[in-house]
Amino acid sequence: MKSQNNLLKRVEESLDTMRPYLNDDGGNVEVVEITEEMEVLVKLTGKCGTCPQSFMTMKAGIEMAVKQAVPEIKSVVAINSKPTPKHAI
C-alpha cells in the first residue's frame, strides 16, 4: 500500500506540471486509478473532457509527462477521451 501511495504521489506531481496548461484552457485532469498493469486511468475534466483535441493532449502532453517522471508507468488512458479520427489529423 505504501508503494502504491508513493506511486500515486509521483504521478500527481507529474500531472501538476501539466495542470497550468490545462487550466489555461478551462480544463483539468484527475487520477481515477493506477492498475496492477501499471496503467494510469485519468478523467479529463472541464473543457478538456469535451475538447476534440483531448486525445492529442493526452498523448503529447499528459502521457509523456507521466511516463518521463514515473518510468514504471506503461500507459496513461483517459476514460472519457475518444481518439481523433484519422481524417481529422
C-alpha atoms as a PDB file:
ATOM      1  CA  MET A   1       0.000   0.000   0.000  1.00  0.00           C
ATOM      2  CA  LYS A   2       2.841   2.370   0.832  1.00  0.00           C
ATOM      3  CA  SER A   3       4.413   1.846  -2.592  1.00  0.00           C
ATOM      4  CA  GLN A   4       1.027   2.476  -4.258  1.00  0.00           C
ATOM      5  CA  ASN A   5       0.700   5.754  -2.325  1.00  0.00           C
ATOM      6  CA  ASN A   6       4.227   6.735  -3.376  1.00  0.00           C
ATOM      7  CA  LEU A   7       3.419   5.883  -6.987  1.00  0.00           C
ATOM      8  CA  LEU A   8       0.229   7.959  -6.872  1.00  0.00           C
ATOM      9  CA  LYS A   9       2.132  10.876  -5.354  1.00  0.00           C
ATOM     10  CA  ARG A  10       4.729  10.755  -8.141  1.00  0.00           C
ATOM     11  CA  VAL A  11       2.028  10.560 -10.823  1.00  0.00           C
ATOM     12  CA  GLU A  12       0.178  13.514  -9.261  1.00  0.00           C
ATOM     13  CA  GLU A  13       3.409  15.530  -9.149  1.00  0.00           C
ATOM     14  CA  SER A  14       3.967  14.871 -12.850  1.00  0.00           C
ATOM     15  CA  LEU A  15       0.388  15.914 -13.609  1.00  0.00           C
ATOM     16  CA  ASP A  16       0.937  19.102 -11.617  1.00  0.00           C
ATOM     17  CA  THR A  17       3.426  20.163 -14.305  1.00  0.00           C
ATOM     18  CA  MET A  18       0.654  19.919 -16.920  1.00  0.00           C
ATOM     19  CA  ARG A  19      -2.215  21.396 -14.924  1.00  0.00           C
ATOM     20  CA  PRO A  20      -1.372  25.081 -15.558  1.00  0.00           C
ATOM     21  CA  TYR A  21      -1.692  24.478 -19.314  1.00  0.00           C
ATOM     22  CA  LEU A  22      -4.929  22.555 -18.896  1.00  0.00           C
ATOM     23  CA  ASN A  23      -6.300  25.208 -16.522  1.00  0.00           C
ATOM     24  CA  ASP A  24      -5.495  27.940 -19.059  1.00  0.00           C
ATOM     25  CA  ASP A  25      -7.893  26.200 -21.446  1.00  0.00           C
ATOM     26  CA  GLY A  26     -10.559  25.655 -18.771  1.00  0.00           C
ATOM     27  CA  GLY A  27      -9.741  22.024 -18.054  1.00  0.00           C
ATOM     28  CA  ASN A  28      -8.004  19.708 -15.638  1.00  0.00           C
ATOM     29  CA  VAL A  29      -7.111  16.060 -15.127  1.00  0.00           C
ATOM     30  CA  GLU A  30      -7.713  13.710 -12.207  1.00  0.00           C
ATOM     31  CA  VAL A  31      -6.353  10.246 -11.488  1.00  0.00           C
ATOM     32  CA  VAL A  32      -9.079   7.614 -11.297  1.00  0.00           C
ATOM     33  CA  GLU A  33      -6.910   4.536 -10.772  1.00  0.00           C
ATOM     34  CA  ILE A  34      -3.476   3.038 -11.226  1.00  0.00           C
ATOM     35  CA  THR A  35      -3.968  -0.549 -12.328  1.00  0.00           C
ATOM     36  CA  GLU A  36      -1.832  -3.570 -11.470  1.00  0.00           C
ATOM     37  CA  GLU A  37      -0.638  -3.450 -15.086  1.00  0.00           C
ATOM     38  CA  MET A  38       0.853   0.000 -14.329  1.00  0.00           C
ATOM     39  CA  GLU A  39      -1.698   1.827 -16.436  1.00  0.00           C
ATOM     40  CA  VAL A  40      -2.916   5.192 -15.136  1.00  0.00           C
ATOM     41  CA  LEU A  41      -6.596   5.831 -15.751  1.00  0.00           C
ATOM     42  CA  VAL A  42      -7.444   9.520 -15.716  1.00  0.00           C
ATOM     43  CA  LYS A  43     -10.507  11.644 -16.257  1.00  0.00           C
ATOM     44  CA  LEU A  44     -10.237  14.851 -18.233  1.00  0.00           C
ATOM     45  CA  THR A  45     -12.479  17.479 -16.662  1.00  0.00           C
ATOM     46  CA  GLY A  46     -13.857  20.863 -17.630  1.00  0.00           C
ATOM     47  CA  LYS A  47     -13.369  21.823 -21.254  1.00  0.00           C
ATOM     48  CA  CYS A  48     -10.702  19.116 -21.655  1.00  0.00           C
ATOM     49  CA  GLY A  49     -13.406  16.476 -21.213  1.00  0.00           C
ATOM     50  CA  THR A  50     -15.223  17.606 -24.361  1.00  0.00           C
ATOM     51  CA  CYS A  51     -12.426  19.095 -26.458  1.00  0.00           C
ATOM     52  CA  PRO A  52     -11.852  17.404 -29.826  1.00  0.00           C
ATOM     53  CA  GLN A  53      -8.085  17.751 -29.265  1.00  0.00           C
ATOM     54  CA  SER A  54      -8.161  15.947 -25.899  1.00  0.00           C
ATOM     55  CA  PHE A  55      -6.653  12.776 -27.390  1.00  0.00           C
ATOM     56  CA  MET A  56      -3.629  14.729 -28.615  1.00  0.00           C
ATOM     57  CA  THR A  57      -3.355  16.472 -25.237  1.00  0.00           C
ATOM     58  CA  MET A  58      -3.296  13.040 -23.620  1.00  0.00           C
ATOM     59  CA  LYS A  59      -0.613  11.525 -25.840  1.00  0.00           C
ATOM     60  CA  ALA A  60       1.643  14.512 -26.480  1.00  0.00           C
ATOM     61  CA  GLY A  61       1.354  16.110 -23.063  1.00  0.00           C
ATOM     62  CA  ILE A  62      -0.079  14.181 -20.158  1.00  0.00           C
ATOM     63  CA  GLU A  63       1.137  10.671 -21.002  1.00  0.00           C
ATOM     64  CA  MET A  64       4.602  11.894 -21.930  1.00  0.00           C
ATOM     65  CA  ALA A  65       4.961  13.880 -18.684  1.00  0.00           C
ATOM     66  CA  VAL A  66       3.813  10.954 -16.536  1.00  0.00           C
ATOM     67  CA  LYS A  67       5.997   8.365 -18.273  1.00  0.00           C
ATOM     68  CA  GLN A  68       9.077  10.597 -18.061  1.00  0.00           C
ATOM     69  CA  ALA A  69       8.577  11.234 -14.340  1.00  0.00           C
ATOM     70  CA  VAL A  70       7.413   7.713 -13.455  1.00  0.00           C
ATOM     71  CA  PRO A  71       9.103   5.298 -15.895  1.00  0.00           C
ATOM     72  CA  GLU A  72       7.405   2.223 -14.450  1.00  0.00           C
ATOM     73  CA  ILE A  73       4.070   3.504 -15.799  1.00  0.00           C
ATOM     74  CA  LYS A  74       3.270   1.732 -19.084  1.00  0.00           C
ATOM     75  CA  SER A  75       0.466   3.979 -20.338  1.00  0.00           C
ATOM     76  CA  VAL A  76      -1.980   6.720 -19.426  1.00  0.00           C
ATOM     77  CA  VAL A  77      -5.566   6.411 -20.622  1.00  0.00           C
ATOM     78  CA  ALA A  78      -8.324   8.994 -20.388  1.00  0.00           C
ATOM     79  CA  ILE A  79     -11.512   7.133 -19.603  1.00  0.00           C
ATOM     80  CA  ASN A  80     -13.576   9.898 -21.212  1.00  0.00           C
ATOM     81  CA  SER A  81     -11.460  10.735 -24.276  1.00  0.00           C
ATOM     82  CA  LYS A  82     -12.018   9.497 -27.802  1.00  0.00           C
ATOM     83  CA  PRO A  83      -9.226   9.164 -30.372  1.00  0.00           C
ATOM     84  CA  THR A  84      -9.140  11.809 -33.070  1.00  0.00           C
ATOM     85  CA  PRO A  85     -10.386  10.390 -36.393  1.00  0.00           C
ATOM     86  CA  LYS A  86      -7.511   9.826 -38.839  1.00  0.00           C
ATOM     87  CA  HIS A  87      -9.014  12.145 -41.419  1.00  0.00           C
ATOM     88  CA  ALA A  88      -9.002  14.998 -38.869  1.00  0.00           C
ATOM     89  CA  ILE A  89      -5.236  14.860 -38.317  1.00  0.00           C
END
